[in-house]
PDB file of N, CA and C in Angstrom:
ATOM      1  N   MET A   1       4.445  73.867  -1.728  1.00  0.00           N
ATOM      2  CA  MET A   1       4.210  73.712  -3.344  1.00  0.00           C
ATOM      3  C   MET A   1       3.524  75.252  -3.595  1.00  0.00           C
ATOM      4  N   SER A   2       3.832  75.820  -4.833  1.00  0.00           N
ATOM      5  CA  SER A   2       2.930  77.091  -5.222  1.00  0.00           C
ATOM      6  C   SER A   2       2.473  76.448  -6.574  1.00  0.00           C
ATOM      7  N   GLY A   3       1.601  77.426  -7.083  1.00  0.00           N
ATOM      8  CA  GLY A   3       0.814  77.300  -8.366  1.00  0.00           C
ATOM      9  C   GLY A   3       0.756  78.549  -8.944  1.00  0.00           C
ATOM     10  N   LEU A   4       0.335  78.646 -10.356  1.00  0.00           N
ATOM     11  CA  LEU A   4      -0.205  79.581 -10.898  1.00  0.00           C
ATOM     12  C   LEU A   4      -1.283  79.257 -12.143  1.00  0.00           C
ATOM     13  N   MET A   5      -2.230  79.727 -11.994  1.00  0.00           N
ATOM     14  CA  MET A   5      -3.412  79.690 -13.247  1.00  0.00           C
ATOM     15  C   MET A   5      -3.368  80.747 -14.046  1.00  0.00           C
ATOM     16  N   ILE A   6      -3.729  80.439 -15.255  1.00  0.00           N
ATOM     17  CA  ILE A   6      -3.829  81.221 -16.331  1.00  0.00           C
ATOM     18  C   ILE A   6      -5.473  81.222 -16.524  1.00  0.00           C
ATOM     19  N   ALA A   7      -5.981  82.198 -16.800  1.00  0.00           N
ATOM     20  CA  ALA A   7      -7.350  82.298 -16.923  1.00  0.00           C
ATOM     21  C   ALA A   7      -7.828  83.368 -17.625  1.00  0.00           C
ATOM     22  N   ALA A   8      -8.997  83.373 -18.561  1.00  0.00           N
ATOM     23  CA  ALA A   8      -9.322  84.431 -19.157  1.00  0.00           C
ATOM     24  C   ALA A   8     -10.925  84.301 -19.397  1.00  0.00           C
ATOM     25  N   PRO A   9     -11.773  85.123 -19.629  1.00  0.00           N
ATOM     26  CA  PRO A   9     -13.131  85.313 -19.688  1.00  0.00           C
ATOM     27  C   PRO A   9     -13.745  84.570 -20.996  1.00  0.00           C
ATOM     28  N   SER A  10     -12.880  84.316 -21.912  1.00  0.00           N
ATOM     29  CA  SER A  10     -13.342  83.638 -23.359  1.00  0.00           C
ATOM     30  C   SER A  10     -12.406  82.860 -23.797  1.00  0.00           C
ATOM     31  N   SER A  11     -12.828  81.994 -24.775  1.00  0.00           N
ATOM     32  CA  SER A  11     -11.872  81.321 -25.566  1.00  0.00           C
ATOM     33  C   SER A  11     -11.371  82.151 -26.656  1.00  0.00           C
ATOM     34  N   GLY A  12     -10.261  81.846 -27.023  1.00  0.00           N
ATOM     35  CA  GLY A  12      -9.436  82.433 -28.361  1.00  0.00           C
ATOM     36  C   GLY A  12      -8.711  83.676 -27.814  1.00  0.00           C
ATOM     37  N   SER A  13      -8.688  83.751 -26.429  1.00  0.00           N
ATOM     38  CA  SER A  13      -7.843  85.026 -25.643  1.00  0.00           C
ATOM     39  C   SER A  13      -6.182  85.006 -25.773  1.00  0.00           C
ATOM     40  N   GLY A  14      -5.771  83.604 -26.101  1.00  0.00           N
ATOM     41  CA  GLY A  14      -4.376  83.490 -26.080  1.00  0.00           C
ATOM     42  C   GLY A  14      -3.847  82.833 -24.771  1.00  0.00           C
ATOM     43  N   LYS A  15      -4.595  82.259 -24.069  1.00  0.00           N
ATOM     44  CA  LYS A  15      -4.342  81.631 -22.764  1.00  0.00           C
ATOM     45  C   LYS A  15      -3.200  80.535 -23.206  1.00  0.00           C
ATOM     46  N   THR A  16      -3.324  79.643 -24.140  1.00  0.00           N
ATOM     47  CA  THR A  16      -2.462  78.518 -24.606  1.00  0.00           C
ATOM     48  C   THR A  16      -1.189  79.028 -24.645  1.00  0.00           C
ATOM     49  N   THR A  17      -1.104  80.005 -25.871  1.00  0.00           N
ATOM     50  CA  THR A  17       0.156  80.870 -26.085  1.00  0.00           C
ATOM     51  C   THR A  17       0.971  81.527 -24.994  1.00  0.00           C
ATOM     52  N   VAL A  18       0.320  82.028 -24.187  1.00  0.00           N
ATOM     53  CA  VAL A  18       0.949  82.766 -23.137  1.00  0.00           C
ATOM     54  C   VAL A  18       1.631  81.331 -22.201  1.00  0.00           C
ATOM     55  N   THR A  19       0.815  80.367 -22.024  1.00  0.00           N
ATOM     56  CA  THR A  19       1.115  79.191 -21.002  1.00  0.00           C
ATOM     57  C   THR A  19       2.360  78.602 -21.345  1.00  0.00           C
ATOM     58  N   LEU A  20       2.205  78.409 -22.837  1.00  0.00           N
ATOM     59  CA  LEU A  20       3.412  77.387 -23.508  1.00  0.00           C
ATOM     60  C   LEU A  20       4.801  78.218 -23.455  1.00  0.00           C
ATOM     61  N   GLY A  21       4.673  79.864 -23.832  1.00  0.00           N
ATOM     62  CA  GLY A  21       5.636  80.389 -23.619  1.00  0.00           C
ATOM     63  C   GLY A  21       6.320  80.575 -22.097  1.00  0.00           C
ATOM     64  N   LEU A  22       5.401  80.814 -21.125  1.00  0.00           N
ATOM     65  CA  LEU A  22       5.845  80.817 -19.756  1.00  0.00           C
ATOM     66  C   LEU A  22       6.346  79.544 -19.311  1.00  0.00           C
ATOM     67  N   LEU A  23       5.947  78.300 -19.778  1.00  0.00           N
ATOM     68  CA  LEU A  23       6.500  77.208 -19.450  1.00  0.00           C
ATOM     69  C   LEU A  23       7.673  76.939 -20.022  1.00  0.00           C
ATOM     70  N   ARG A  24       8.217  77.285 -21.419  1.00  0.00           N
ATOM     71  CA  ARG A  24       9.526  77.179 -21.982  1.00  0.00           C
ATOM     72  C   ARG A  24      10.382  78.117 -21.053  1.00  0.00           C
ATOM     73  N   ALA A  25       9.985  79.501 -20.951  1.00  0.00           N
ATOM     74  CA  ALA A  25      10.967  80.370 -20.153  1.00  0.00           C
ATOM     75  C   ALA A  25      11.378  79.649 -18.935  1.00  0.00           C
ATOM     76  N   LEU A  26      10.403  79.273 -17.995  1.00  0.00           N
ATOM     77  CA  LEU A  26      10.522  78.634 -16.825  1.00  0.00           C
ATOM     78  C   LEU A  26      11.428  77.261 -16.863  1.00  0.00           C
ATOM     79  N   THR A  27      11.310  76.426 -17.719  1.00  0.00           N
ATOM     80  CA  THR A  27      11.981  75.259 -17.685  1.00  0.00           C
ATOM     81  C   THR A  27      13.188  75.427 -18.481  1.00  0.00           C
ATOM     82  N   ARG A  28      13.637  76.583 -19.114  1.00  0.00           N
ATOM     83  CA  ARG A  28      15.151  76.848 -19.599  1.00  0.00           C
ATOM     84  C   ARG A  28      15.883  77.441 -18.348  1.00  0.00           C
ATOM     85  N   ARG A  29      15.024  78.019 -17.464  1.00  0.00           N
ATOM     86  CA  ARG A  29      15.808  78.648 -16.165  1.00  0.00           C
ATOM     87  C   ARG A  29      16.016  77.575 -15.011  1.00  0.00           C
ATOM     88  N   GLY A  30      15.620  76.293 -15.262  1.00  0.00           N
ATOM     89  CA  GLY A  30      15.720  75.222 -14.353  1.00  0.00           C
ATOM     90  C   GLY A  30      14.492  74.785 -13.311  1.00  0.00           C
ATOM     91  N   PHE A  31      13.406  75.631 -13.639  1.00  0.00           N
ATOM     92  CA  PHE A  31      12.311  75.348 -12.685  1.00  0.00           C
ATOM     93  C   PHE A  31      11.865  74.180 -13.103  1.00  0.00           C
ATOM     94  N   PRO A  32      11.262  73.182 -11.860  1.00  0.00           N
ATOM     95  CA  PRO A  32      10.693  72.101 -12.058  1.00  0.00           C
ATOM     96  C   PRO A  32       9.049  72.485 -12.495  1.00  0.00           C
ATOM     97  N   ILE A  33       8.608  71.861 -13.464  1.00  0.00           N
ATOM     98  CA  ILE A  33       7.406  72.290 -14.194  1.00  0.00           C
ATOM     99  C   ILE A  33       6.517  71.123 -14.318  1.00  0.00           C
ATOM    100  N   ALA A  34       5.445  71.107 -13.861  1.00  0.00           N
ATOM    101  CA  ALA A  34       4.216  70.222 -13.962  1.00  0.00           C
ATOM    102  C   ALA A  34       3.028  70.718 -14.283  1.00  0.00           C
ATOM    103  N   PRO A  35       2.874  71.063 -15.653  1.00  0.00           N
ATOM    104  CA  PRO A  35       1.303  71.691 -16.085  1.00  0.00           C
ATOM    105  C   PRO A  35       0.241  70.713 -16.149  1.00  0.00           C
ATOM    106  N   GLY A  36      -0.650  71.299 -15.921  1.00  0.00           N
ATOM    107  CA  GLY A  36      -2.097  70.586 -15.913  1.00  0.00           C
ATOM    108  C   GLY A  36      -3.119  71.334 -16.358  1.00  0.00           C
ATOM    109  N   LYS A  37      -4.429  70.620 -16.958  1.00  0.00           N
ATOM    110  CA  LYS A  37      -5.453  71.563 -17.333  1.00  0.00           C
ATOM    111  C   LYS A  37      -6.679  71.068 -16.448  1.00  0.00           C
ATOM    112  N   ALA A  38      -7.541  72.197 -16.100  1.00  0.00           N
ATOM    113  CA  ALA A  38      -8.675  71.812 -15.372  1.00  0.00           C
ATOM    114  C   ALA A  38      -9.845  72.247 -16.208  1.00  0.00           C
ATOM    115  N   GLY A  39     -10.725  71.463 -16.256  1.00  0.00           N
ATOM    116  CA  GLY A  39     -12.126  71.830 -16.937  1.00  0.00           C
ATOM    117  C   GLY A  39     -12.224  71.728 -18.656  1.00  0.00           C
TER     118      GLY A  39
END
């Protein structure tokens, strides 16, 4: 199993937008996705 973490030093930097776009692109290509939130 492999993973990817999206992180930034401050809030309001666009992490959610980047994450949602990435999840959508990967699911459209057939990758099995299991998003989660830490913290």
